[in-house]
Protein backbone atom coordinates (compact mmCIF):
# COMPACT_ATOMS: atom_id res chain seq x y z
CA MET A 1 2.30 -15.31 13.40
CA THR A 2 -0.62 -13.06 12.48
CA ALA A 3 0.15 -10.28 10.09
CA SER A 4 -0.18 -7.44 12.93
CA ILE A 5 3.34 -8.39 14.37
CA ARG A 6 5.55 -8.77 11.33
CA ASN A 7 7.70 -5.87 11.39
CA LYS A 8 8.06 -5.76 7.95
CA ILE A 9 6.75 -4.26 4.83
CA LEU A 10 8.09 -6.33 2.56
CA LEU A 11 7.22 -10.65 3.05
CA LYS A 12 8.07 -12.18 -0.81
CA GLY A 13 9.57 -11.43 -3.52
CA ASN A 14 12.13 -9.57 -5.35
CA TYR A 15 14.50 -7.62 -2.94
CA GLY A 16 16.89 -5.94 -5.40
CA ARG A 17 13.58 -3.51 -6.54
CA ARG A 18 13.86 -0.90 -4.35
CA GLU A 19 13.97 3.02 -5.14
CA GLU A 20 14.33 5.94 -2.97
CA ALA A 21 12.87 9.26 -4.17
CA VAL A 22 11.84 12.54 -2.14
CA ALA A 23 7.97 12.75 -0.34
CA GLY A 24 6.42 15.19 -2.10
CA ALA A 25 3.23 15.40 0.84
CA ALA A 26 3.57 14.42 4.13
CA GLY A 27 1.86 11.91 6.35
CA LEU A 28 3.52 8.83 3.91
CA TYR A 29 3.57 5.71 5.74
CA PRO A 30 5.30 2.29 4.91
CA GLY A 31 2.67 -0.07 3.26
CA MET A 32 1.21 3.04 0.96
CA LEU A 33 0.69 3.17 -2.51
CA VAL A 34 2.53 6.14 -3.85
CA LYS A 35 3.22 7.38 -6.68
CA LEU A 36 5.35 10.18 -8.40
CA ASN A 37 4.35 13.82 -9.21
CA SER A 38 5.01 16.10 -12.10
CA SER A 39 7.99 16.71 -9.88
CA GLY A 40 9.53 13.10 -9.54
CA GLN A 41 8.93 13.32 -5.78
CA VAL A 42 5.92 10.38 -4.15
CA VAL A 43 2.19 11.46 -3.11
CA VAL A 44 0.23 9.35 -2.46
CA HIS A 45 -1.65 7.57 -4.85
CA ASP A 46 -5.35 9.01 -5.42
CA ASP A 47 -7.34 7.78 -8.61
CA GLU A 48 -9.57 5.52 -6.25
CA GLY A 49 -9.46 2.01 -8.65
CA GLY A 50 -7.41 3.64 -11.45
CA PHE A 51 -4.15 2.58 -13.00
CA ALA A 52 -1.10 2.18 -10.49
CA GLU A 53 2.50 1.06 -11.22
CA ARG A 54 2.65 -1.00 -7.70
CA CYS A 55 5.07 1.40 -5.74
CA PHE A 56 4.65 0.59 -1.61
CA VAL A 57 6.58 2.32 0.05
CA LEU A 58 8.91 0.64 2.78
CA GLU A 59 10.10 1.37 6.66
CA ASP A 60 13.78 3.61 6.61
CA VAL A 61 15.41 0.64 8.37
CA LEU A 62 18.70 2.76 7.51
CA GLN A 63 17.48 5.72 9.69
CA GLY A 64 16.20 3.18 12.60
CA LYS A 65 12.39 3.68 11.56
CA THR A 66 9.93 0.70 12.05
CA LYS A 67 6.97 0.05 9.88
CA SER A 68 5.22 2.41 11.79
CA ASP A 69 7.01 5.35 11.28
CA VAL A 70 5.82 8.02 8.93
CA TYR A 71 7.68 9.78 6.12
CA THR A 72 7.93 14.39 6.79
CA ILE A 73 7.96 15.77 3.49
CA GLY A 74 11.25 16.59 1.84
CA ASN A 75 12.52 12.92 3.41
CA ILE A 76 14.58 10.38 1.33
CA VAL A 77 11.16 7.61 1.22
CA SER A 78 12.48 4.28 0.54
CA LEU A 79 10.03 2.01 -2.11
CA HIS A 80 9.44 -1.47 -3.11
CA LEU A 81 8.26 -1.46 -6.76
CA ALA A 82 5.92 -4.90 -6.72
CA LEU A 83 6.18 -7.06 -9.22
CA PRO A 84 3.40 -10.22 -9.68
CA GLY A 85 3.49 -12.59 -7.11
CA ASP A 86 5.68 -9.93 -4.34
CA GLU A 87 4.29 -10.42 -0.79
CA VAL A 88 3.74 -7.05 0.51
CA GLN A 89 2.03 -5.61 3.85
CA GLY A 90 -0.21 -3.04 2.23
CA LEU A 91 -2.22 -0.31 3.80
CA ILE A 92 -5.92 -1.15 4.25
CA GLU A 93 -8.64 1.89 4.21
CA ASP A 94 -10.88 1.98 7.54
CA GLY A 95 -14.17 -0.06 7.40
CA GLN A 96 -13.88 -2.17 4.54
CA ASN A 97 -13.73 -6.06 5.14
CA ILE A 98 -11.61 -7.98 3.37
CA SER A 99 -11.47 -11.97 3.35
CA VAL A 100 -7.88 -14.09 2.24
CA GLY A 101 -8.50 -14.14 -2.28
CA ASP A 102 -10.18 -10.36 -2.31
CA GLN A 103 -9.28 -8.04 -5.01
CA LEU A 104 -7.93 -5.39 -3.86
CA ILE A 105 -7.75 -1.15 -5.60
CA SER A 106 -6.48 1.65 -5.10
CA ALA A 107 -8.62 3.44 -2.14
CA GLY A 108 -7.23 7.09 -3.83
CA ASN A 109 -5.51 7.72 -0.63
CA GLY A 110 -2.15 5.16 -0.53
CA LYS A 111 -5.18 3.10 1.35
CA LEU A 112 -5.97 -0.62 -0.62
CA LYS A 113 -9.98 -1.57 -0.37
CA ALA A 114 -12.13 -4.13 -1.59
CA ALA A 115 -12.84 -3.75 -5.02
CA SER A 116 -16.78 -3.75 -6.03
CA GLY A 117 -16.55 -4.73 -9.06
CA LEU A 118 -18.63 -2.00 -10.98
CA GLU A 119 -17.25 -0.37 -13.82
CA SER A 120 -16.15 3.56 -12.28
CA GLY A 121 -16.78 5.47 -15.68
CA GLU A 122 -15.55 4.52 -18.79
CA THR A 123 -12.81 2.19 -17.29
CA LEU A 124 -13.07 -0.34 -15.23
CA GLU A 125 -11.29 -0.93 -11.21
CA GLN A 126 -7.36 -1.41 -11.45
CA VAL A 127 -7.00 -4.78 -9.66
CA ILE A 128 -3.55 -4.30 -7.92
CA ALA A 129 -3.92 -7.41 -5.35
CA ILE A 130 -5.07 -10.11 -3.39
CA ALA A 131 -6.26 -10.32 0.53
CA THR A 132 -3.62 -13.70 2.16
CA ALA A 133 -5.20 -12.73 5.01
CA ASP A 134 -8.93 -12.22 6.77
CA CYS A 135 -9.15 -8.57 8.17
CA ASP A 136 -12.31 -6.87 8.88
CA LEU A 137 -12.07 -3.53 9.77
CA THR A 138 -16.16 -2.70 10.35
CA GLY A 139 -15.81 -2.14 14.08
CA SER A 140 -16.40 0.52 16.11
CA GLY A 141 -12.53 2.00 16.83
CA THR A 142 -11.14 0.18 14.04
CA THR A 143 -8.25 2.36 11.88
CA ASP A 144 -6.46 1.64 8.99
CA THR A 145 -4.32 -1.30 9.06
CA LEU A 146 -1.50 -3.19 7.17
CA SER A 147 -2.14 -6.23 6.28
CA PRO A 148 -0.45 -8.99 3.32
CA VAL A 149 -1.51 -8.69 0.26
CA ARG A 150 -0.04 -10.06 -3.00
CA VAL A 151 0.61 -8.26 -5.18
CA LEU A 152 -0.84 -8.76 -9.00
């Protein structure tokens, strides 16, 4: 079974680590890396290569939604606070060519991208996950895609 036909975001892990919060921004998709803002609302993680709580948006199954359905501002968002070893389908940024075992960081827009291994300012990039499947989004017409990753 390929990653693209899996129907859920949380693939392996502690199913009890779920939270809910209000969407503080429009356009939150399942698989996005998110954080809480100063009002306690969920927004995309916007610190490229920076520290992240490893909080991923889940699909809203209680409302009959799938991994393809977007949350709108003001809606209650289902979240998974990932523990090391959990496997989720993370949203990979368009233009990436990721292989199994590649280290992944926050792309600064709720998506994941390959770590460059270089220093960003004065601090090293925070690796969030390891790719567990190949994902080539370098071709023309590719879009951000869900792909399985193991959280560190």
